[in-house]
Protein backbone atom coordinates (compact mmCIF):
# COMPACT_ATOMS: atom_id res chain seq x y z
CA MET A 1 0.00 0.00 0.00
CA SER A 2 0.81 3.55 -0.30
CA SER A 3 1.49 5.80 2.46
CA PRO A 4 -1.94 6.36 3.91
CA GLY A 5 -3.23 9.63 2.96
CA PHE A 6 -6.86 8.63 2.85
CA PRO A 7 -7.48 9.89 -0.63
CA ALA A 8 -10.83 9.49 -2.27
CA ALA A 9 -11.07 6.51 -4.56
CA GLY A 10 -10.03 7.38 -8.08
CA PRO A 11 -7.85 6.31 -10.97
CA SER A 12 -4.65 7.02 -9.09
CA ASP A 13 -5.61 4.47 -6.49
CA LEU A 14 -5.55 1.68 -9.07
CA TYR A 15 -2.81 2.80 -11.39
CA GLY A 16 -0.63 5.22 -9.47
CA GLY A 17 1.08 5.64 -6.17
CA ALA A 18 -1.50 3.63 -4.26
CA THR A 19 -0.17 0.42 -5.76
CA GLY A 20 3.42 1.44 -6.12
CA PHE A 21 3.42 1.32 -9.92
CA PRO A 22 4.65 4.30 -11.94
CA THR A 23 2.08 6.46 -13.61
CA GLN A 24 2.15 7.79 -17.15
CA SER A 25 1.27 11.16 -18.57
CA MET A 26 -0.72 11.75 -21.75
CA ALA A 27 0.97 13.70 -24.48
CA VAL A 28 -1.30 16.02 -26.43
CA GLN A 29 0.32 15.05 -29.73
CA PRO A 30 0.00 11.26 -30.06
CA THR A 31 3.10 9.35 -31.11
CA ILE A 32 3.16 5.99 -32.85
CA ASN A 33 6.20 3.69 -32.78
CA ASN A 34 8.13 6.59 -31.19
CA HIS A 35 7.62 8.74 -34.31
CA PRO A 36 5.58 11.95 -33.98
CA ALA A 37 2.37 12.05 -35.97
CA THR A 38 2.35 14.48 -38.85
CA THR A 39 -1.06 15.89 -37.95
CA HIS A 40 -2.99 16.35 -34.75
CA HIS A 41 -5.61 13.69 -34.11
CA PRO A 42 -8.30 14.08 -31.48
CA LEU A 43 -8.61 11.42 -28.81
CA TYR A 44 -10.75 8.44 -29.71
CA ARG A 45 -11.14 4.73 -29.20
CA SER A 46 -9.50 2.79 -32.00
CA GLN A 47 -8.61 -0.73 -33.04
CA PRO A 48 -5.05 -2.12 -32.84
CA SER A 49 -4.23 -1.72 -36.52
CA ILE A 50 -4.69 2.04 -36.26
CA LEU A 51 -2.55 2.21 -33.16
CA PHE A 52 0.38 0.33 -34.64
CA GLN A 53 0.61 1.72 -38.17
CA PRO A 54 3.76 3.72 -38.89
CA SER A 55 3.27 7.45 -38.92
CA SER A 56 3.77 7.61 -42.68
CA HIS A 57 1.03 5.06 -43.18
CA ILE A 58 -1.36 7.11 -41.06
CA ALA A 59 -0.64 10.17 -43.14
CA GLN A 60 -1.56 8.29 -46.29
CA HIS A 61 -4.79 6.86 -44.86
CA GLN A 62 -5.88 9.66 -42.61
CA THR A 63 -9.51 9.66 -43.75
CA SER A 64 -10.13 5.98 -43.22
CA SER A 65 -8.38 5.90 -39.88
CA LEU A 66 -10.65 8.49 -38.34
CA ILE A 67 -13.37 5.95 -37.59
CA GLY A 68 -14.42 5.64 -33.97
CA LYS A 69 -15.89 2.10 -34.26
CA ARG A 70 -15.90 -0.58 -36.92
CA THR A 71 -17.23 -4.08 -37.14
CA LEU A 72 -14.82 -6.97 -36.86
CA ALA A 73 -15.47 -7.87 -40.51
CA GLU A 74 -14.61 -4.33 -41.63
CA PHE A 75 -11.49 -4.36 -39.52
CA GLN A 76 -10.34 -7.68 -41.00
CA THR A 77 -11.07 -6.47 -44.55
CA HIS A 78 -9.15 -3.27 -43.90
CA ASN A 79 -6.22 -5.22 -42.50
CA LEU A 80 -6.15 -7.61 -45.50
CA SER A 81 -6.19 -4.67 -47.88
CA ASN A 82 -3.31 -3.03 -46.07
CA THR A 83 -1.36 -6.30 -46.17
CA SER A 84 -1.75 -6.80 -49.91
CA ASN A 85 -1.02 -3.16 -50.79
CA ASN A 86 1.89 -2.64 -48.43
CA ASN A 87 4.08 -5.75 -48.63
CA SER A 88 7.08 -3.50 -48.28
CA ASN A 89 5.94 -2.63 -44.74
CA LEU A 90 5.73 -6.27 -43.62
CA LEU A 91 8.98 -6.04 -41.70
CA ILE A 92 7.73 -3.03 -39.75
CA SER A 93 4.51 -4.86 -38.96
CA ASN A 94 6.45 -7.87 -37.74
CA ASN A 95 8.39 -5.70 -35.33
CA ASN A 96 5.17 -4.47 -33.81
CA ASN A 97 3.49 -7.86 -33.48
CA GLN A 98 4.74 -8.35 -29.96
CA LEU A 99 2.47 -5.55 -28.74
CA LEU A 100 -0.76 -7.05 -30.09
CA PRO A 101 -1.32 -9.68 -27.34
CA ASN A 102 -2.12 -6.82 -25.01
CA TYR A 103 -5.30 -6.06 -26.92
CA GLN A 104 -8.58 -7.92 -27.39
CA LEU A 105 -10.67 -7.67 -30.53
CA ARG A 106 -14.38 -7.18 -30.23
CA SER A 107 -16.99 -6.59 -32.89
CA VAL A 108 -18.71 -3.24 -32.42
CA LYS A 109 -21.27 -1.23 -34.29
CA PRO A 110 -19.82 1.24 -36.82
CA ARG A 111 -20.05 4.91 -35.98
CA THR A 112 -18.38 7.89 -37.62
CA PHE A 113 -16.03 9.70 -35.34
CA GLN A 114 -16.83 13.33 -34.57
CA HIS A 115 -14.18 15.89 -33.71
CA ASN A 116 -14.92 16.61 -30.06
CA GLN A 117 -12.71 18.94 -28.11
CA PHE A 118 -10.10 17.60 -25.71
CA SER A 119 -11.93 19.23 -22.82
CA THR A 120 -14.84 16.81 -23.12
CA PHE A 121 -12.76 14.20 -21.42
CA SER A 122 -12.51 13.97 -17.66
CA PRO A 123 -9.41 15.62 -16.20
CA GLN A 124 -8.74 12.45 -14.29
CA LEU A 125 -8.93 10.35 -17.43
CA SER A 126 -6.59 12.62 -19.34
CA ALA A 127 -3.78 11.83 -16.95
CA PHE A 128 -3.98 8.13 -17.81
CA PRO A 129 -3.83 7.58 -21.56
CA SER A 130 -4.06 3.80 -21.36
CA GLN A 131 -7.45 4.07 -19.71
CA ARG A 132 -9.00 5.48 -22.88
CA TYR A 133 -8.54 2.18 -24.67
CA GLY A 134 -10.64 -0.62 -23.33
CA ALA A 135 -8.16 -3.44 -23.84
CA SER A 136 -5.26 -1.51 -22.36
CA LEU A 137 -7.37 -0.62 -19.34
CA LEU A 138 -8.20 -4.29 -18.94
CA HIS A 139 -4.50 -5.06 -19.13
CA HIS A 140 -3.90 -2.80 -16.12
CA ILE A 141 -6.75 -4.21 -14.06
CA ARG A 142 -6.74 -7.85 -15.13
CA PRO A 143 -3.38 -8.65 -16.79
CA ASN A 144 -3.92 -12.42 -16.87
CA ALA A 145 -7.04 -12.00 -18.98
CA VAL A 146 -5.25 -10.30 -21.84
CA ASN A 147 -2.00 -12.25 -21.96
CA ALA A 148 -3.06 -14.21 -25.04
CA PRO A 149 -0.61 -16.43 -26.98
CA PRO A 150 1.84 -14.42 -29.09
CA VAL A 151 0.48 -13.34 -32.46
CA THR A 152 2.90 -14.35 -35.21
CA SER A 153 3.44 -12.65 -38.55
CA SER A 154 1.65 -15.50 -40.32
CA ILE A 155 -1.51 -14.70 -38.39
CA LEU A 156 -1.22 -11.03 -39.26
CA SER A 157 -1.00 -11.87 -42.94
CA HIS A 158 -4.37 -13.67 -42.86
CA THR A 159 -7.86 -12.63 -41.89
CA ASN A 160 -8.55 -15.59 -39.58
CA PHE A 161 -7.84 -14.06 -36.19
CA PRO A 162 -8.23 -16.35 -33.15
CA ARG A 163 -11.59 -16.04 -31.46
CA LEU A 164 -11.66 -15.28 -27.75
CA ILE A 165 -13.71 -17.79 -25.79
CA ALA A 166 -16.18 -16.22 -23.41
CA ASN A 167 -15.93 -17.16 -19.76
CA PRO A 168 -18.87 -18.77 -17.95
CA GLU A 169 -21.32 -16.38 -16.33
CA PRO A 170 -19.57 -15.03 -13.23
CA ASP A 171 -20.90 -14.68 -9.76
CA LYS A 172 -22.63 -11.32 -9.38
CA ASN A 173 -20.63 -10.58 -6.21
CA SER A 174 -17.22 -11.70 -7.53
CA ILE A 175 -14.40 -9.28 -8.31
CA ASP A 176 -14.26 -10.61 -11.90
CA HIS A 177 -17.88 -9.67 -12.43
CA ARG A 178 -17.27 -6.13 -11.20
CA LEU A 179 -14.22 -5.85 -13.46
CA GLN A 180 -16.31 -6.96 -16.43
CA GLU A 181 -18.98 -4.42 -15.51
CA LEU A 182 -16.31 -1.72 -15.45
CA GLU A 183 -15.04 -2.85 -18.84
CA LYS A 184 -18.59 -2.85 -20.18
CA GLN A 185 -19.16 0.73 -19.05
CA LEU A 186 -15.95 1.91 -20.69
CA LEU A 187 -16.64 0.03 -23.96
CA GLU A 188 -20.42 0.39 -24.09
CA ASP A 189 -21.85 -0.02 -27.60
CA ASN A 190 -25.48 0.73 -26.74
CA ASP A 191 -25.14 4.45 -27.24
CA ASP A 192 -27.29 5.09 -30.31
CA ASP A 193 -29.45 7.47 -28.35
CA GLN A 194 -26.46 9.74 -27.92
CA GLY A 195 -26.28 10.44 -31.63
CA ASP A 196 -22.80 10.59 -33.07
CA ALA A 197 -21.18 12.03 -30.00
CA VAL A 198 -18.19 10.18 -28.64
CA SER A 199 -19.06 8.12 -25.57
CA VAL A 200 -16.98 9.07 -22.57
CA VAL A 201 -17.08 8.34 -18.88
CA THR A 202 -17.66 11.44 -16.82
CA THR A 203 -15.74 12.20 -13.67
CA SER A 204 -18.71 11.26 -11.51
CA GLU A 205 -19.33 8.01 -13.37
CA TRP A 206 -15.66 7.09 -13.17
CA SER A 207 -15.43 7.76 -9.44
CA ASP A 208 -18.62 5.81 -8.73
CA THR A 209 -17.47 2.87 -10.82
CA ILE A 210 -14.03 2.68 -9.22
CA GLN A 211 -15.51 3.14 -5.75
CA ASN A 212 -17.98 0.31 -6.31
CA LEU A 213 -15.18 -1.85 -7.65
CA ILE A 214 -12.93 -1.32 -4.66
CA THR A 215 -15.62 -1.20 -1.99
CA PRO A 216 -18.78 -3.19 -2.77
CA PRO A 217 -22.03 -1.77 -1.39
CA LYS A 218 -22.35 -2.48 2.31
CA ARG A 219 -24.97 -4.92 3.39
CA ALA A 220 -27.46 -4.11 6.10
CA SER A 221 -25.82 -4.60 9.47
CA SER A 222 -27.45 -6.71 12.12
CA SER A 223 -24.97 -5.80 14.84
CA PRO A 224 -26.14 -4.32 18.14
CA THR A 225 -26.05 -0.66 19.06
CA SER A 226 -22.64 -0.92 20.69
CA SER A 227 -21.14 -2.15 17.43
CA THR A 228 -22.79 0.72 15.57
CA THR A 229 -21.31 3.20 18.01
CA SER A 230 -17.85 1.71 17.52
CA SER A 231 -18.24 1.94 13.75
CA ASN A 232 -19.31 5.58 14.02
CA SER A 233 -16.25 6.33 16.15
CA SER A 234 -13.96 4.65 13.62
CA ALA A 235 -15.62 6.53 10.75
CA GLU A 236 -15.19 9.80 12.64
CA SER A 237 -11.49 9.07 13.11
CA ILE A 238 -11.01 8.32 9.41
CA SER A 239 -12.93 11.47 8.48
CA ALA A 240 -10.71 13.56 10.75
CA LYS A 241 -7.56 12.11 9.20
CA GLN A 242 -8.90 12.83 5.73
CA SER A 243 -9.57 16.42 6.76
CA LEU A 244 -6.03 16.74 8.12
CA THR A 245 -4.65 15.54 4.80
CA GLU A 246 -6.83 18.09 2.99
CA VAL A 247 -5.34 20.80 5.20
CA ALA A 248 -1.84 19.67 4.24
CA LYS A 249 -2.72 19.81 0.55
CA ALA A 250 -4.22 23.29 0.96
CA ILE A 251 -1.10 24.52 2.77
CA SER A 252 1.19 23.09 0.11
CA GLU A 253 -0.85 24.89 -2.57
CA GLY A 254 -0.87 28.19 -0.67
CA ARG A 255 -4.62 28.14 0.03
CA PHE A 256 -4.28 29.15 3.66
CA ASP A 257 -7.86 30.39 3.93
CA VAL A 258 -9.15 26.90 3.10
CA ALA A 259 -6.69 25.33 5.54
CA THR A 260 -7.77 27.70 8.30
CA GLN A 261 -11.45 26.90 7.76
CA ILE A 262 -10.86 23.15 8.02
CA LEU A 263 -8.64 23.51 11.09
CA THR A 264 -11.26 25.67 12.80
CA ARG A 265 -13.92 23.06 12.14
CA LEU A 266 -11.69 20.28 13.48
CA SER A 267 -10.84 22.25 16.61
CA GLN A 268 -14.49 22.78 17.42
CA SER A 269 -15.80 19.30 16.61
CA SER A 270 -13.11 16.84 17.71
CA ASP A 271 -12.37 15.74 21.27
CA GLN A 272 -9.58 13.37 20.20
CA ARG A 273 -6.22 14.28 21.65
CA PHE A 274 -4.39 13.04 18.59
CA VAL A 275 -6.45 15.25 16.25
CA ASN A 276 -5.79 18.24 18.49
CA CYS A 277 -2.05 17.52 18.31
CA MET A 278 -2.19 17.42 14.53
CA VAL A 279 -4.22 20.63 14.39
CA SER A 280 -1.62 22.40 16.53
CA ALA A 281 1.20 21.06 14.35
CA LEU A 282 -0.45 22.27 11.15
CA LYS A 283 -1.11 25.68 12.66
CA SER A 284 2.56 25.80 13.57
CA ARG A 285 3.38 25.00 9.96
CA MET A 286 1.25 27.97 8.86
CA GLY A 287 3.26 30.27 11.12
CA HIS A 288 0.77 30.90 13.91
CA VAL A 289 2.53 32.86 16.64
CA GLU A 290 0.78 30.94 19.42
CA TYR A 291 2.09 27.63 18.02
CA PRO A 292 5.88 27.98 17.61
CA PRO A 293 7.55 24.91 16.09
CA PRO A 294 9.41 22.86 18.72
CA VAL A 295 13.12 22.36 18.14
CA ALA A 296 15.09 23.00 21.33
CA GLU A 297 12.22 21.46 23.32
CA LEU A 298 13.14 18.05 21.88
CA PHE A 299 16.42 18.19 23.80
CA SER A 300 14.90 19.30 27.09
CA ARG A 301 14.77 17.25 30.27
CA GLU A 302 10.99 17.29 30.13
CA HIS A 303 10.98 15.67 26.70
CA ALA A 304 13.55 13.07 27.78
CA GLU A 305 11.31 12.08 30.69
CA SER A 306 8.25 11.75 28.45
CA THR A 307 10.28 9.59 26.05
CA GLN A 308 11.35 7.25 28.86
CA LEU A 309 7.73 6.95 29.98
CA LEU A 310 6.79 5.97 26.43
CA PHE A 311 9.47 3.26 26.43
CA GLU A 312 8.18 1.90 29.73
CA HIS A 313 4.42 1.99 29.11
CA SER A 314 4.13 1.24 25.38
CA LEU A 315 4.33 -2.46 24.56
CA PHE A 316 5.83 -1.75 21.14
CA PHE A 317 8.82 0.14 22.52
CA ARG A 318 9.28 -2.05 25.59
CA PHE A 319 9.30 -5.31 23.63
CA ALA A 320 11.62 -3.84 21.00
CA LEU A 321 14.17 -2.97 23.69
CA MET A 322 13.75 -6.48 25.10
CA VAL A 323 14.74 -7.91 21.71
CA THR A 324 17.94 -5.85 21.68
CA ASN A 325 18.90 -7.27 25.08
CA ILE A 326 18.38 -10.80 23.76
CA ALA A 327 20.59 -10.11 20.72
CA ILE A 328 23.33 -8.61 22.90
CA LEU A 329 23.28 -11.54 25.33
CA GLU A 330 23.43 -14.09 22.52
CA SER A 331 26.52 -12.35 21.13
CA ALA A 332 28.19 -12.48 24.55
CA PHE A 333 27.68 -16.21 24.99
CA ASP A 334 27.99 -17.50 21.42
CA ASP A 335 31.66 -18.47 21.85
CA LYS A 336 30.86 -21.01 24.61
CA SER A 337 33.52 -19.42 26.81
CA GLU A 338 33.54 -19.94 30.57
CA ASN A 339 34.59 -16.32 31.07
CA ALA A 340 31.66 -14.04 30.22
CA LYS A 341 32.89 -10.60 29.26
CA LEU A 342 30.64 -8.02 27.68
CA CYS A 343 31.25 -4.43 26.59
CA VAL A 344 28.24 -2.40 25.44
CA VAL A 345 28.45 1.00 23.72
CA ASP A 346 25.28 3.08 23.84
CA PHE A 347 24.78 6.45 22.15
CA ASP A 348 21.65 7.39 24.12
CA ILE A 349 21.48 5.48 27.38
CA GLY A 350 18.53 7.40 28.81
CA ASN A 351 17.71 6.37 32.37
CA GLY A 352 19.56 3.07 31.95
CA LYS A 353 16.61 0.84 32.83
CA GLN A 354 17.12 -1.22 29.67
CA TYR A 355 20.45 -2.42 31.06
CA ALA A 356 19.00 -3.22 34.46
CA ASN A 357 17.12 -6.05 32.75
CA LEU A 358 20.23 -6.97 30.75
CA LEU A 359 22.28 -7.39 33.93
CA HIS A 360 19.69 -9.72 35.46
CA GLU A 361 19.60 -11.90 32.34
CA PHE A 362 23.39 -11.85 32.10
CA SER A 363 23.74 -13.22 35.63
CA LEU A 364 21.33 -16.05 34.83
CA ARG A 365 23.19 -17.12 31.68
CA ARG A 366 26.71 -17.20 33.04
CA LYS A 367 28.13 -20.64 33.79
CA GLY A 368 29.70 -19.93 37.15
CA GLY A 369 32.86 -18.25 35.87
CA PRO A 370 33.82 -14.59 36.19
CA ALA A 371 31.26 -12.17 34.80
CA VAL A 372 32.43 -8.78 33.60
CA VAL A 373 30.20 -6.11 32.12
CA LYS A 374 31.29 -2.69 30.94
CA ILE A 375 28.77 -0.14 29.67
CA ILE A 376 30.02 2.92 27.81
CA ALA A 377 27.64 5.85 27.47
CA VAL A 378 28.73 8.06 24.57
CA ALA A 379 27.94 11.69 25.43
CA GLU A 380 29.63 13.96 22.92
CA ASN A 381 28.45 17.08 24.78
CA GLY A 382 29.39 15.77 28.21
CA ALA A 383 27.57 13.75 30.85
CA ASP A 384 24.42 15.14 32.41
CA GLU A 385 22.81 14.31 35.73
CA ARG A 386 20.54 11.73 34.16
CA THR A 387 23.48 9.77 32.72
CA SER A 388 25.36 9.83 36.02
CA THR A 389 22.28 8.65 37.89
CA ALA A 390 21.90 5.75 35.45
CA GLY A 391 25.49 4.67 36.09
CA VAL A 392 25.00 4.65 39.85
CA MET A 393 21.79 2.64 39.57
CA LEU A 394 23.35 0.03 37.28
CA GLY A 395 26.41 -0.30 39.51
CA ARG A 396 24.21 -1.05 42.50
CA ILE A 397 22.30 -3.76 40.62
CA ALA A 398 25.51 -5.36 39.30
CA LYS A 399 26.93 -5.54 42.81
CA GLN A 400 23.81 -7.34 44.05
CA LEU A 401 24.14 -9.87 41.23
CA GLY A 402 27.85 -10.48 41.77
CA ILE A 403 28.88 -9.02 38.42
CA SER A 404 32.10 -7.09 37.97
CA PHE A 405 30.76 -3.84 36.54
CA GLU A 406 32.23 -0.70 35.04
CA PHE A 407 30.34 2.34 33.81
CA GLN A 408 32.12 4.87 31.62
CA VAL A 409 30.97 8.14 30.07
CA LEU A 410 32.84 8.79 26.84
CA THR A 411 32.94 12.47 25.94
CA ARG A 412 35.08 12.17 22.82
CA ARG A 413 33.88 13.49 19.52
CA LEU A 414 32.39 10.86 17.25
CA SER A 415 35.21 11.42 14.76
CA GLU A 416 37.67 10.31 17.46
CA LEU A 417 35.83 7.09 18.25
CA THR A 418 38.15 4.07 18.05
CA ARG A 419 38.32 0.67 19.70
CA GLU A 420 41.34 1.80 21.69
CA SER A 421 39.43 4.79 23.06
CA LEU A 422 36.75 2.44 24.38
CA GLY A 423 39.20 0.58 26.61
CA CYS A 424 37.46 -2.79 26.16
CA ASP A 425 39.34 -6.03 26.75
CA ALA A 426 40.40 -7.80 23.59
CA ASP A 427 38.48 -10.95 24.57
CA ALA A 428 35.29 -9.08 25.48
CA ALA A 429 32.25 -9.27 23.24
CA LEU A 430 31.70 -5.75 21.90
CA ALA A 431 28.09 -4.74 21.29
CA VAL A 432 26.81 -1.39 20.01
CA ASN A 433 23.24 -0.39 20.76
CA PHE A 434 21.33 2.06 18.55
CA ALA A 435 17.97 2.21 20.31
CA PHE A 436 15.81 5.01 18.84
CA ARG A 437 18.91 7.10 18.24
CA LEU A 438 19.92 7.17 14.58
CA TYR A 439 16.67 8.69 13.31
CA ARG A 440 17.54 11.96 15.05
CA MET A 441 20.91 12.28 13.33
CA PRO A 442 21.03 14.35 10.11
CA ASP A 443 21.55 12.41 6.91
CA GLU A 444 22.52 13.31 3.35
CA SER A 445 19.25 15.19 2.82
CA VAL A 446 20.24 17.66 5.54
CA SER A 447 24.02 17.86 5.37
CA THR A 448 26.60 16.88 2.79
CA GLU A 449 28.69 15.56 5.69
CA ASN A 450 25.96 12.96 6.33
CA PRO A 451 26.61 12.37 10.06
CA ARG A 452 24.20 9.43 10.14
CA ASP A 453 26.08 7.27 7.65
CA ASP A 454 29.44 8.53 8.91
CA LEU A 455 28.65 7.22 12.40
CA LEU A 456 27.62 3.84 11.00
CA ARG A 457 30.93 3.49 9.15
CA ARG A 458 32.91 4.42 12.26
CA VAL A 459 31.00 1.87 14.33
CA LYS A 460 31.70 -0.77 11.69
CA ALA A 461 35.42 0.02 12.06
CA LEU A 462 35.15 -0.95 15.75
CA ALA A 463 34.52 -4.56 14.64
CA PRO A 464 31.63 -5.16 17.04
CA ARG A 465 30.25 -8.64 17.51
CA VAL A 466 26.71 -7.29 17.23
CA VAL A 467 25.00 -3.98 16.49
CA THR A 468 21.37 -3.66 17.56
CA LEU A 469 19.06 -1.26 15.77
CA VAL A 470 15.59 -0.27 16.98
CA GLU A 471 13.58 2.38 15.15
CA GLN A 472 10.05 3.62 14.64
CA GLU A 473 8.52 2.33 11.42
CA ALA A 474 7.52 5.60 9.77
CA ASN A 475 8.53 7.28 6.52
CA THR A 476 8.93 10.89 7.66
CA ASN A 477 12.50 11.66 6.66
CA THR A 478 12.58 12.54 2.97
CA ALA A 479 8.85 12.27 2.25
CA PRO A 480 7.29 15.49 0.87
CA PHE A 481 5.10 17.56 3.16
CA VAL A 482 1.67 16.16 2.25
CA ALA A 483 2.89 12.56 2.36
CA ARG A 484 4.61 13.29 5.67
CA VAL A 485 1.37 14.55 7.18
CA ALA A 486 -0.50 11.48 5.95
CA GLU A 487 2.18 9.19 7.37
CA SER A 488 2.11 11.02 10.70
CA CYS A 489 -1.67 10.62 10.82
CA ALA A 490 -1.39 6.87 10.26
CA TYR A 491 1.54 6.25 12.59
CA TYR A 492 0.77 8.48 15.55
CA GLY A 493 -2.95 7.84 15.23
CA ALA A 494 -2.29 4.14 15.84
CA LEU A 495 0.10 4.91 18.69
CA PHE A 496 -2.39 7.20 20.44
CA ASP A 497 -5.08 4.57 19.96
CA SER A 498 -2.90 1.92 21.59
CA LEU A 499 -2.36 4.09 24.66
CA GLU A 500 -6.12 4.07 25.24
CA THR A 501 -5.94 0.36 26.11
CA THR A 502 -3.03 0.56 28.55
CA MET A 503 -3.47 3.86 30.39
CA THR A 504 -6.50 5.87 31.51
CA ARG A 505 -7.06 9.33 30.06
CA GLU A 506 -6.52 10.91 33.48
CA ASN A 507 -3.20 9.14 34.07
CA SER A 508 -0.49 11.77 34.61
CA GLY A 509 2.09 9.55 32.93
CA ARG A 510 -0.06 9.27 29.84
CA MET A 511 -0.48 13.03 29.70
CA LYS A 512 3.30 13.46 29.74
CA ILE A 513 3.68 10.83 27.02
CA GLU A 514 1.13 12.57 24.82
CA GLU A 515 2.84 15.92 25.38
CA GLY A 516 6.08 14.37 24.18
CA LEU A 517 4.36 12.82 21.16
CA SER A 518 2.80 16.19 20.39
CA ARG A 519 6.26 17.76 20.25
CA LYS A 520 7.48 14.98 17.94
CA ILE A 521 4.48 15.44 15.64
CA ALA A 522 4.87 19.22 15.51
CA ASN A 523 8.56 18.94 14.67
CA THR A 524 7.84 16.38 11.96
CA VAL A 525 5.09 18.46 10.34
CA ALA A 526 6.11 22.08 10.94
CA CYS A 527 9.90 22.04 10.55
CA GLU A 528 12.28 21.62 7.63
CA GLY A 529 16.04 21.43 7.18
CA ARG A 530 18.20 21.21 10.27
CA ASP A 531 15.29 22.24 12.49
CA ARG A 532 13.50 18.98 11.69
CA VAL A 533 15.00 16.58 14.21
CA GLU A 534 12.37 13.85 13.82
CA ARG A 535 13.45 11.95 10.71
CA CYS A 536 12.12 8.41 10.99
CA GLU A 537 12.66 5.88 8.22
CA VAL A 538 11.13 2.50 7.42
CA PHE A 539 13.05 -0.71 7.98
CA GLY A 540 13.73 -1.17 4.28
CA LYS A 541 15.70 2.07 4.19
CA TRP A 542 17.58 1.17 7.35
CA ARG A 543 18.56 -2.13 5.78
CA ALA A 544 19.96 -0.26 2.80
CA ARG A 545 21.92 2.14 5.02
CA MET A 546 23.34 -0.63 7.17
CA GLY A 547 24.31 -2.62 4.09
CA MET A 548 26.10 0.35 2.51
CA ALA A 549 28.03 0.84 5.77
CA GLY A 550 29.28 -2.75 5.52
CA PHE A 551 26.98 -4.47 8.01
CA ARG A 552 25.38 -7.87 7.50
CA LEU A 553 21.94 -8.68 8.87
CA LYS A 554 21.74 -11.30 11.62
CA PRO A 555 18.17 -12.61 11.30
CA LEU A 556 16.37 -12.73 14.63
CA SER A 557 14.79 -15.99 15.67
CA GLN A 558 11.12 -16.77 15.20
CA ARG A 559 11.36 -18.34 18.64
CA VAL A 560 11.90 -14.89 20.15
CA ALA A 561 8.76 -13.57 18.49
CA GLU A 562 6.73 -16.57 19.66
CA SER A 563 7.99 -16.08 23.21
CA ILE A 564 6.84 -12.46 23.19
CA LYS A 565 3.45 -13.47 21.80
CA GLU A 566 3.00 -15.81 24.75
CA ARG A 567 3.62 -12.93 27.12
CA LEU A 568 0.85 -10.97 25.47
CA GLY A 569 -1.70 -13.49 26.68
CA GLY A 570 -3.69 -13.72 23.46
CA GLU A 571 -4.01 -9.98 22.79
CA LYS A 572 -5.03 -9.94 19.13
CA ARG A 573 -4.65 -6.23 18.48
CA VAL A 574 -0.90 -6.30 19.18
CA GLU A 575 1.01 -7.89 16.30
CA VAL A 576 4.43 -9.51 16.61
CA LYS A 577 6.03 -10.94 13.48
CA VAL A 578 9.41 -11.70 11.95
CA GLU A 579 9.80 -9.92 8.63
CA ASN A 580 12.91 -9.44 6.50
CA GLY A 581 15.13 -10.52 9.38
CA GLY A 582 13.73 -8.07 11.93
CA ILE A 583 10.99 -8.40 14.53
CA CYS A 584 8.08 -6.03 13.94
CA PHE A 585 5.66 -4.83 16.60
CA GLY A 586 2.38 -3.29 15.49
CA TRP A 587 -1.09 -2.24 16.51
CA MET A 588 -4.10 -3.41 14.50
CA GLY A 589 -2.22 -3.82 11.23
CA ARG A 590 0.11 -0.83 11.57
CA THR A 591 3.76 -1.63 12.36
CA LEU A 592 5.12 0.83 14.93
CA THR A 593 8.61 -0.41 15.85
CA VAL A 594 11.16 -2.79 14.31
CA ALA A 595 14.16 -4.38 16.07
CA SER A 596 17.07 -5.93 14.18
CA ALA A 597 20.62 -7.17 14.77
CA TRP A 598 23.71 -6.70 12.58
CA CYS A 599 27.34 -7.71 12.50
């Protein structure tokens, strides 16, 4: 799927970005076999022989080729005449034969083509030239139906074309039936009552047809009132997200009056906290003085506390950090050594609670020999009180568990980072943890120095046994503004929804979490350039970055995912799956975090 922007159903949903396939644009002057036509021809539905004649041949037979519809017999007669009179063009015809399987022949009633203006066609249709030809449209929607056996030159030189066998009568509710109905509407022959005017599909007819194709009419619901209320709430949420996307489009087009009207309506009608956060972010984008875009606030102590609360109370973040601990422990004990030595480098240690769990698991896995753990907190700008407090807390836990522990704050610049500067023992397993850290580093789209990829290459030079990567699954880094708003609606909407099930609305911790999420949303939507700190990427892009830096993916075990599922106790709305070597955690179909391991 495309990034969710909740667009109305239309041609682009079937042929454009919604499916990931490239779109095409319609040239005003038609070209045939890559040669420009000598004269301008109005748009019309034609048979394959007209489409594939060389431009010189069209110039010679311009009058006869301007026929909107012909019977199959007339078409075959015309083709035989062309074959006998133009033997010198046989080689050119043979070169074009490979395109003919994409078209189906159908006998239609003859009708003289009238020169209608280009404007009679729907604007939406004009952007998709292949949709004007019934067979080509069918090729887009139902490719298997038009992949007929190759047509050889011997077939072209005769009038006996193969006859297409009709399929049995389809089920009225099947997708094939709806596709055939769509084809019928686009190729309708019963249009005598329209005179000689060219039959076209209007914008309204096209939208209705596509909408009915994608979403069949809903049947009468027999669910109780509570189910109806839930459906209304879901519909209201979708409507709000659609309105937010409309605001983004209006802002991008400079129609600020329209954007202001929609935002005012949303502010007055919605009681959803997420919608209010998005409204504030969009107002900040428009330059409202009362909604300044947050930049420095993302580095404040208040924001750090809200982030740690999110890690602790959200299942998706908590389980993702749990997976990194498992990957680090497996790297420490994979050499079957009696002496367990582990050195962990972390670039954003936070309150250190992740490593409290790691120390407990480490003590359980050791085989009775000496256990040594060193944790290095990289703080390029110097250690703060929070980092020092984390070191004291971890030292106390390690002492209780009988683990030899060392905590070090490394204040070197990242460019000076070497294995020697870490001070790790040569026989210690070196692990580097990137837990929700890299997405905040500028990349090549912000700076030519590309600090993000530069750090990855320097870490690779340390020769770590494992590198753990945990990131939010959202495409908000290089996506354009409108797509970024749509992605934020989908991602943070799901995250806010998940908080409803774990924390009450009056919970002070939840309020702090939502305040932090509001700052993240506002920075994502309202800021650009270096001011935009929130630059999340999807796992596919992280895989590409890690691969270019020289890392190799260490696929995580399905057993780990199954173990986490057991801890969920049958909660169906939370999804845990192994995909492309990483473990994905999602809420009701939307992946929110992905954990992976590299070496």
